[in-house]
Amino acid sequence: MAIPLGPCQIRPRLKGRFGFPLYLYASRCVSTQDLLPENAPEGALAVAEEQLGGRGRRGRSWEGARDASLLFSLCLRPEVATARLASFTPVAAEAVVEAIASVTGVEASVKPPNDVLLSGRKVAGLLAEASSGRVALGIGINVGQRNEDLPERPVYPATSLAIELGRPPNRVELLVEVLERLEQLYDRWLDEVGV
């Protein structure tokens, strides 16, 4: 059984400000994007073990099997022009690529604007939803699924880290690493876009 991703397991390992001051945890939800309150502060994090109706680009769905995925949304409040917000999604995808490499040693790649591929197959997806001065950045990473657990996709078939590695990596380590890389690249992006 997978180690739960609750605040007691994650927060002591966090090195930055993401995951503070608010860490919301659900064993099951429709979408982690919906767990973040509208007034959530920057750095607030919503994590779920299972997601029943996560959203992807263009209305696509992203479901996450219980204990087999990394499913979370992060609240960001960048003080940048709305037109520049879209440039952050590929930056966030690069943070996921870097975290996967750091934890597993395998090289993934970004398929702009919001997918992460491993061996030409989709292992992660991101969705940034902006409204009222905030960005809810949703990330789903396939960690422990088997081939039969994944949806059929005609263009970029789905995969998981377990399929590619022969074993699932530690989800706690991966979440901590993704948050650390996200914070570093987010701060750099803010500097580059003029904040």
Protein backbone atom coordinates (compact mmCIF):
# COMPACT_ATOMS: atom_id res chain seq x y z
CA MET A 1 0.00 0.00 0.00
CA ALA A 2 1.24 3.49 -0.88
CA ILE A 3 2.23 5.97 1.81
CA PRO A 4 -0.53 8.60 2.09
CA LEU A 5 0.26 12.12 0.90
CA GLY A 6 -1.25 13.86 3.92
CA PRO A 7 0.34 16.91 5.53
CA CYS A 8 2.04 14.87 8.28
CA GLN A 9 4.03 12.95 5.67
CA ILE A 10 4.79 15.88 3.35
CA ARG A 11 5.12 19.14 5.28
CA PRO A 12 8.15 18.15 7.41
CA ARG A 13 10.03 17.42 4.18
CA LEU A 14 9.19 20.64 2.33
CA LYS A 15 12.09 23.03 1.81
CA GLY A 16 10.26 26.07 0.49
CA ARG A 17 7.04 28.01 0.83
CA PHE A 18 4.80 25.87 -1.41
CA GLY A 19 2.51 23.75 0.76
CA PHE A 20 2.27 26.54 3.33
CA PRO A 21 0.31 28.14 4.92
CA LEU A 22 -2.52 25.90 3.70
CA TYR A 23 -2.30 22.16 2.92
CA LEU A 24 -5.60 20.54 1.99
CA TYR A 25 -5.79 16.76 1.74
CA ALA A 26 -8.57 14.48 0.49
CA SER A 27 -8.58 10.77 0.03
CA ARG A 28 -11.01 11.25 -2.87
CA CYS A 29 -12.29 14.27 -4.76
CA VAL A 30 -13.75 15.27 -8.10
CA SER A 31 -10.83 17.58 -8.87
CA THR A 32 -8.02 19.04 -6.78
CA GLN A 33 -8.66 22.32 -8.63
CA ASP A 34 -12.02 22.51 -6.84
CA LEU A 35 -10.46 21.91 -3.41
CA LEU A 36 -8.57 25.21 -3.48
CA PRO A 37 -10.75 28.01 -2.08
CA GLU A 38 -10.99 31.19 -4.15
CA ASN A 39 -9.28 33.14 -1.37
CA ALA A 40 -6.45 30.63 -0.90
CA PRO A 41 -3.06 32.30 -0.34
CA GLU A 42 -0.14 31.78 -2.67
CA GLY A 43 1.51 28.46 -1.90
CA ALA A 44 -1.70 26.76 -0.78
CA LEU A 45 -1.71 23.13 -1.86
CA ALA A 46 -4.57 20.67 -2.43
CA VAL A 47 -3.59 16.99 -2.69
CA ALA A 48 -5.80 13.94 -3.31
CA GLU A 49 -5.20 10.21 -3.38
CA GLU A 50 -7.92 9.70 -6.00
CA GLN A 51 -9.49 12.08 -8.51
CA LEU A 52 -12.76 11.22 -10.22
CA GLY A 53 -13.18 14.11 -12.66
CA GLY A 54 -10.02 16.13 -13.00
CA ARG A 55 -9.88 18.59 -15.86
CA GLY A 56 -7.46 18.81 -18.72
CA ARG A 57 -7.15 21.23 -21.60
CA ARG A 58 -10.10 21.63 -23.94
CA GLY A 59 -12.48 19.91 -21.54
CA ARG A 60 -10.62 16.62 -21.48
CA SER A 61 -10.79 14.62 -18.27
CA TRP A 62 -7.93 13.42 -16.07
CA GLU A 63 -8.79 10.63 -13.68
CA GLY A 64 -6.34 9.42 -11.12
CA ALA A 65 -6.50 5.94 -9.65
CA ARG A 66 -6.35 5.66 -5.87
CA ASP A 67 -2.79 5.64 -4.50
CA ALA A 68 -1.33 5.28 -8.01
CA SER A 69 -1.03 8.91 -9.06
CA LEU A 70 0.33 12.19 -7.84
CA LEU A 71 -2.64 14.58 -7.98
CA PHE A 72 -2.42 18.12 -6.70
CA SER A 73 -3.24 21.76 -7.30
CA LEU A 74 -1.18 24.72 -6.21
CA CYS A 75 -2.44 28.28 -5.73
CA LEU A 76 -0.24 30.97 -7.25
CA ARG A 77 -0.84 34.72 -7.20
CA PRO A 78 1.63 36.16 -9.70
CA GLU A 79 1.46 39.90 -10.17
CA VAL A 80 1.87 39.76 -13.93
CA ALA A 81 -0.23 40.82 -16.88
CA THR A 82 -2.90 38.27 -17.78
CA ALA A 83 -1.42 37.90 -21.26
CA ARG A 84 1.82 36.58 -19.74
CA LEU A 85 0.24 33.88 -17.57
CA ALA A 86 0.17 31.30 -20.36
CA SER A 87 3.96 31.40 -20.52
CA PHE A 88 4.12 29.77 -17.08
CA THR A 89 2.54 26.42 -18.01
CA PRO A 90 5.56 25.11 -19.97
CA VAL A 91 7.81 26.36 -17.15
CA ALA A 92 5.77 24.31 -14.67
CA ALA A 93 5.97 21.30 -17.01
CA GLU A 94 9.76 21.67 -17.02
CA ALA A 95 9.71 21.55 -13.21
CA VAL A 96 7.91 18.20 -13.42
CA VAL A 97 10.51 16.94 -15.93
CA GLU A 98 13.35 17.99 -13.61
CA ALA A 99 11.71 16.38 -10.58
CA ILE A 100 11.12 13.10 -12.41
CA ALA A 101 14.78 13.04 -13.49
CA SER A 102 15.98 13.83 -9.98
CA VAL A 103 13.88 11.14 -8.27
CA THR A 104 14.00 8.39 -10.91
CA GLY A 105 16.99 9.09 -13.13
CA VAL A 106 14.86 8.91 -16.30
CA GLU A 107 14.63 11.74 -18.80
CA ALA A 108 11.16 12.99 -19.64
CA SER A 109 10.36 15.87 -21.98
CA VAL A 110 7.83 18.68 -22.25
CA LYS A 111 5.30 18.56 -25.07
CA PRO A 112 4.14 22.18 -25.09
CA PRO A 113 2.15 23.58 -23.66
CA ASN A 114 1.17 21.24 -20.82
CA ASP A 115 2.14 17.59 -21.24
CA VAL A 116 5.11 15.61 -19.99
CA LEU A 117 6.20 12.66 -22.11
CA LEU A 118 8.36 9.69 -21.26
CA SER A 119 9.48 7.49 -24.16
CA GLY A 120 6.95 9.34 -26.34
CA ARG A 121 4.07 8.48 -24.01
CA LYS A 122 2.16 10.86 -21.71
CA VAL A 123 3.15 10.46 -18.07
CA ALA A 124 1.88 13.79 -16.71
CA GLY A 125 -0.40 16.67 -17.52
CA LEU A 126 -0.83 20.19 -16.20
CA LEU A 127 -3.69 22.65 -16.23
CA ALA A 128 -3.40 26.29 -15.18
CA GLU A 129 -6.74 28.00 -14.57
CA ALA A 130 -6.53 31.76 -14.02
CA SER A 131 -9.24 33.90 -12.43
CA SER A 132 -9.52 36.80 -10.00
CA GLY A 133 -5.78 37.37 -9.65
CA ARG A 134 -4.89 33.76 -8.95
CA VAL A 135 -3.72 30.74 -10.88
CA ALA A 136 -4.79 27.26 -9.81
CA LEU A 137 -2.09 25.00 -11.22
CA GLY A 138 -3.27 21.40 -11.39
CA ILE A 139 -0.77 18.60 -11.94
CA GLY A 140 -1.38 14.90 -12.45
CA ILE A 141 1.48 12.41 -12.70
CA ASN A 142 0.94 8.73 -13.44
CA VAL A 143 3.12 6.98 -10.87
CA GLY A 144 2.06 3.41 -10.15
CA GLN A 145 -0.44 2.43 -12.83
CA ARG A 146 -0.16 -0.71 -14.92
CA ASN A 147 -0.92 -0.64 -18.66
CA GLU A 148 -4.45 -1.94 -18.10
CA ASP A 149 -5.15 0.89 -15.63
CA LEU A 150 -4.49 3.64 -18.15
CA PRO A 151 -6.92 5.14 -20.68
CA GLU A 152 -6.39 4.52 -24.36
CA ARG A 153 -5.14 7.61 -26.14
CA PRO A 154 -4.67 7.59 -29.91
CA VAL A 155 -1.94 10.23 -30.30
CA TYR A 156 0.21 10.12 -27.18
CA PRO A 157 -0.54 6.86 -25.36
CA ALA A 158 -0.46 7.06 -21.57
CA THR A 159 2.25 5.53 -19.44
CA SER A 160 3.31 5.60 -15.81
CA LEU A 161 6.61 5.83 -14.04
CA ALA A 162 6.09 2.26 -12.79
CA ILE A 163 5.71 0.97 -16.35
CA GLU A 164 8.82 2.80 -17.53
CA LEU A 165 10.96 1.96 -14.49
CA GLY A 166 9.65 -1.49 -13.68
CA ARG A 167 8.66 -0.24 -10.21
CA PRO A 168 6.83 2.81 -8.86
CA PRO A 169 8.95 5.58 -7.34
CA ASN A 170 8.18 6.99 -3.91
CA ARG A 171 5.28 9.43 -4.30
CA VAL A 172 6.27 11.40 -1.19
CA GLU A 173 9.76 12.05 -2.59
CA LEU A 174 8.34 12.94 -5.98
CA LEU A 175 5.80 15.42 -4.60
CA VAL A 176 8.43 17.13 -2.44
CA GLU A 177 10.81 17.36 -5.41
CA VAL A 178 8.13 18.68 -7.79
CA LEU A 179 7.17 21.41 -5.31
CA GLU A 180 10.80 22.42 -4.80
CA ARG A 181 11.50 22.60 -8.55
CA LEU A 182 8.21 24.42 -9.17
CA GLU A 183 9.08 27.08 -6.62
CA GLN A 184 12.56 27.62 -8.09
CA LEU A 185 11.31 27.90 -11.67
CA TYR A 186 8.28 30.00 -10.67
CA ASP A 187 10.54 32.54 -8.95
CA ARG A 188 12.85 32.63 -11.97
CA TRP A 189 9.83 33.07 -14.29
CA LEU A 190 8.57 35.97 -12.16
CA ASP A 191 11.98 37.64 -12.47
CA GLU A 192 11.96 37.15 -16.25
CA VAL A 193 8.44 38.52 -16.82
CA GLY A 194 9.23 41.62 -14.82
CA VAL A 195 7.82 41.22 -11.33
